Amino acid sequence: MAGIELVADRAKRTPFPRGAPELARVHREAYQRGAMIRLSGATIILSPALTIGRSQIDLLCDALEGAFAAVEA
């Protein structure tokens, strides 16, 4: 498993508050791009299979990158 904490302010490292609409948007955008992620507060939880391949890792990274960009815009 891996976790990615989402912060509202990078400089201060303040996490998004629980239930922030940005969190739901990142979750939805990632899912629409083919990545199943879980949210725990302001943390994205990734639980890939132990047999994950390079192409699947690329898909996951691309989906997250696209989701972040869509929410940031």
N, C-alpha and C. Protein backbone atom coordinates (compact mmCIF):
# COMPACT_ATOMS: atom_id res chain seq x y z
N MET A 1 0.84 -1.18 0.00
CA MET A 1 0.00 0.00 0.00
C MET A 1 0.88 1.24 0.00
N ALA A 2 0.30 2.31 -0.50
CA ALA A 2 0.99 3.60 -0.50
C ALA A 2 -0.05 4.68 -0.25
N GLY A 3 0.40 5.77 0.32
CA GLY A 3 -0.50 6.89 0.59
C GLY A 3 0.07 8.18 0.02
N ILE A 4 -0.82 9.02 -0.47
CA ILE A 4 -0.45 10.33 -0.98
C ILE A 4 -1.33 11.34 -0.25
N GLU A 5 -0.71 12.19 0.55
CA GLU A 5 -1.48 13.19 1.29
C GLU A 5 -1.71 14.41 0.39
N LEU A 6 -2.95 14.82 0.29
CA LEU A 6 -3.30 16.00 -0.50
C LEU A 6 -3.34 17.21 0.42
N VAL A 7 -2.63 18.26 0.02
CA VAL A 7 -2.56 19.45 0.85
C VAL A 7 -3.17 20.65 0.14
N ALA A 8 -3.81 21.50 0.92
CA ALA A 8 -4.43 22.71 0.39
C ALA A 8 -3.38 23.79 0.15
N ASP A 9 -2.31 23.77 0.94
CA ASP A 9 -1.25 24.76 0.84
C ASP A 9 0.09 24.03 0.92
N ARG A 10 0.81 23.98 -0.19
CA ARG A 10 2.08 23.25 -0.21
C ARG A 10 3.10 23.83 0.75
N ALA A 11 3.20 25.15 0.78
CA ALA A 11 4.21 25.79 1.62
C ALA A 11 3.99 25.49 3.10
N LYS A 12 2.74 25.53 3.52
CA LYS A 12 2.42 25.28 4.94
C LYS A 12 2.12 23.82 5.22
N ARG A 13 1.96 23.03 4.15
CA ARG A 13 1.64 21.60 4.26
C ARG A 13 0.35 21.35 5.05
N THR A 14 -0.63 22.19 4.85
CA THR A 14 -1.91 22.00 5.53
C THR A 14 -2.80 21.09 4.68
N PRO A 15 -3.24 19.97 5.23
CA PRO A 15 -4.08 19.05 4.45
C PRO A 15 -5.47 19.64 4.21
N PHE A 16 -6.11 19.14 3.16
CA PHE A 16 -7.49 19.52 2.91
C PHE A 16 -8.35 19.03 4.08
N PRO A 17 -9.35 19.78 4.47
CA PRO A 17 -10.24 19.30 5.53
C PRO A 17 -11.07 18.11 5.04
N ARG A 18 -11.43 17.26 5.96
CA ARG A 18 -12.26 16.10 5.63
C ARG A 18 -13.54 16.58 4.95
N GLY A 19 -13.89 15.95 3.85
CA GLY A 19 -15.11 16.30 3.12
C GLY A 19 -14.95 17.45 2.14
N ALA A 20 -13.72 17.95 1.94
CA ALA A 20 -13.50 19.03 0.99
C ALA A 20 -13.91 18.56 -0.41
N PRO A 21 -14.58 19.42 -1.18
CA PRO A 21 -15.04 19.00 -2.52
C PRO A 21 -13.90 18.62 -3.46
N GLU A 22 -12.72 19.18 -3.25
CA GLU A 22 -11.57 18.83 -4.09
C GLU A 22 -11.21 17.35 -3.96
N LEU A 23 -11.38 16.81 -2.77
CA LEU A 23 -11.05 15.39 -2.55
C LEU A 23 -11.98 14.49 -3.36
N ALA A 24 -13.26 14.80 -3.32
CA ALA A 24 -14.23 14.01 -4.08
C ALA A 24 -13.97 14.13 -5.58
N ARG A 25 -13.57 15.31 -6.03
CA ARG A 25 -13.29 15.51 -7.45
C ARG A 25 -12.07 14.71 -7.89
N VAL A 26 -11.01 14.69 -7.08
CA VAL A 26 -9.83 13.90 -7.42
C VAL A 26 -10.22 12.42 -7.50
N HIS A 27 -11.00 11.96 -6.55
CA HIS A 27 -11.46 10.56 -6.54
C HIS A 27 -12.23 10.24 -7.82
N ARG A 28 -13.18 11.08 -8.16
CA ARG A 28 -14.02 10.87 -9.35
C ARG A 28 -13.19 10.94 -10.64
N GLU A 29 -12.32 11.94 -10.74
CA GLU A 29 -11.50 12.09 -11.94
C GLU A 29 -10.56 10.92 -12.13
N ALA A 30 -9.96 10.44 -11.06
CA ALA A 30 -9.06 9.28 -11.15
C ALA A 30 -9.83 8.05 -11.60
N TYR A 31 -11.01 7.85 -11.05
CA TYR A 31 -11.84 6.69 -11.42
C TYR A 31 -12.22 6.74 -12.90
N GLN A 32 -12.59 7.93 -13.36
CA GLN A 32 -12.96 8.09 -14.77
C GLN A 32 -11.79 7.81 -15.70
N ARG A 33 -10.59 7.94 -15.19
CA ARG A 33 -9.38 7.68 -15.98
C ARG A 33 -8.87 6.25 -15.79
N GLY A 34 -9.59 5.43 -15.04
CA GLY A 34 -9.25 4.02 -14.91
C GLY A 34 -8.54 3.60 -13.65
N ALA A 35 -8.42 4.49 -12.66
CA ALA A 35 -7.73 4.15 -11.41
C ALA A 35 -8.72 4.07 -10.26
N MET A 36 -8.71 2.95 -9.57
CA MET A 36 -9.53 2.81 -8.37
C MET A 36 -8.67 3.19 -7.17
N ILE A 37 -9.07 4.27 -6.51
CA ILE A 37 -8.33 4.74 -5.34
C ILE A 37 -9.30 4.84 -4.18
N ARG A 38 -8.74 4.88 -2.98
CA ARG A 38 -9.55 5.10 -1.77
C ARG A 38 -9.09 6.38 -1.12
N LEU A 39 -10.00 7.05 -0.47
CA LEU A 39 -9.67 8.25 0.29
C LEU A 39 -9.82 7.96 1.77
N SER A 40 -8.87 8.41 2.54
CA SER A 40 -8.96 8.37 3.99
C SER A 40 -8.62 9.77 4.46
N GLY A 41 -9.65 10.55 4.71
CA GLY A 41 -9.44 11.96 5.01
C GLY A 41 -8.86 12.63 3.78
N ALA A 42 -7.70 13.25 3.93
CA ALA A 42 -7.04 13.94 2.81
C ALA A 42 -5.92 13.09 2.21
N THR A 43 -5.98 11.77 2.42
CA THR A 43 -4.94 10.89 1.91
C THR A 43 -5.52 9.92 0.90
N ILE A 44 -4.87 9.83 -0.25
CA ILE A 44 -5.22 8.83 -1.25
C ILE A 44 -4.51 7.55 -0.86
N ILE A 45 -5.25 6.46 -0.79
CA ILE A 45 -4.69 5.15 -0.46
C ILE A 45 -4.65 4.32 -1.74
N LEU A 46 -3.47 3.85 -2.09
CA LEU A 46 -3.29 3.00 -3.26
C LEU A 46 -2.97 1.58 -2.78
N SER A 47 -3.69 0.61 -3.31
CA SER A 47 -3.47 -0.79 -2.93
C SER A 47 -3.36 -1.65 -4.18
N PRO A 48 -2.31 -1.48 -4.95
CA PRO A 48 -2.18 -2.27 -6.17
C PRO A 48 -1.86 -3.73 -5.84
N ALA A 49 -2.15 -4.59 -6.80
CA ALA A 49 -1.80 -6.00 -6.65
C ALA A 49 -0.28 -6.15 -6.57
N LEU A 50 0.19 -7.15 -5.87
CA LEU A 50 1.63 -7.39 -5.77
C LEU A 50 2.23 -7.75 -7.12
N THR A 51 1.39 -8.19 -8.04
CA THR A 51 1.86 -8.58 -9.37
C THR A 51 1.66 -7.47 -10.40
N ILE A 52 1.51 -6.23 -9.95
CA ILE A 52 1.27 -5.12 -10.86
C ILE A 52 2.43 -4.99 -11.85
N GLY A 53 2.07 -4.75 -13.11
CA GLY A 53 3.07 -4.61 -14.16
C GLY A 53 3.34 -3.15 -14.50
N ARG A 54 4.35 -2.94 -15.28
CA ARG A 54 4.77 -1.58 -15.65
C ARG A 54 3.64 -0.82 -16.34
N SER A 55 2.92 -1.46 -17.25
CA SER A 55 1.85 -0.76 -17.97
C SER A 55 0.73 -0.35 -17.01
N GLN A 56 0.45 -1.16 -16.00
CA GLN A 56 -0.57 -0.82 -15.02
C GLN A 56 -0.11 0.32 -14.11
N ILE A 57 1.17 0.33 -13.77
CA ILE A 57 1.73 1.42 -12.97
C ILE A 57 1.64 2.73 -13.76
N ASP A 58 1.97 2.65 -15.05
CA ASP A 58 1.87 3.84 -15.91
C ASP A 58 0.43 4.35 -15.97
N LEU A 59 -0.53 3.44 -16.10
CA LEU A 59 -1.93 3.83 -16.14
C LEU A 59 -2.33 4.53 -14.84
N LEU A 60 -1.92 3.97 -13.72
CA LEU A 60 -2.24 4.55 -12.42
C LEU A 60 -1.63 5.95 -12.29
N CYS A 61 -0.38 6.09 -12.65
CA CYS A 61 0.28 7.40 -12.56
C CYS A 61 -0.35 8.42 -13.50
N ASP A 62 -0.65 7.99 -14.72
CA ASP A 62 -1.29 8.88 -15.68
C ASP A 62 -2.68 9.31 -15.20
N ALA A 63 -3.43 8.37 -14.63
CA ALA A 63 -4.77 8.69 -14.12
C ALA A 63 -4.69 9.69 -12.98
N LEU A 64 -3.76 9.50 -12.07
CA LEU A 64 -3.61 10.44 -10.96
C LEU A 64 -3.14 11.81 -11.45
N GLU A 65 -2.19 11.81 -12.35
CA GLU A 65 -1.70 13.08 -12.90
C GLU A 65 -2.83 13.84 -13.59
N GLY A 66 -3.64 13.14 -14.37
CA GLY A 66 -4.78 13.77 -15.04
C GLY A 66 -5.82 14.26 -14.06
N ALA A 67 -6.06 13.50 -13.01
CA ALA A 67 -7.04 13.89 -12.00
C ALA A 67 -6.57 15.15 -11.26
N PHE A 68 -5.31 15.17 -10.89
CA PHE A 68 -4.78 16.36 -10.20
C PHE A 68 -4.87 17.59 -11.10
N ALA A 69 -4.52 17.42 -12.37
CA ALA A 69 -4.56 18.55 -13.31
C ALA A 69 -6.00 19.05 -13.51
N ALA A 70 -6.95 18.12 -13.59
CA ALA A 70 -8.34 18.51 -13.79
C ALA A 70 -8.89 19.28 -12.60
N VAL A 71 -8.51 18.87 -11.41
CA VAL A 71 -9.00 19.54 -10.20
C VAL A 71 -8.29 20.86 -9.99
N GLU A 72 -7.02 20.92 -10.34
CA GLU A 72 -6.24 22.14 -10.15
C GLU A 72 -6.69 23.25 -11.09
N ALA A 73 -7.18 22.87 -12.28
CA ALA A 73 -7.58 23.86 -13.29
C ALA A 73 -8.79 24.66 -12.88
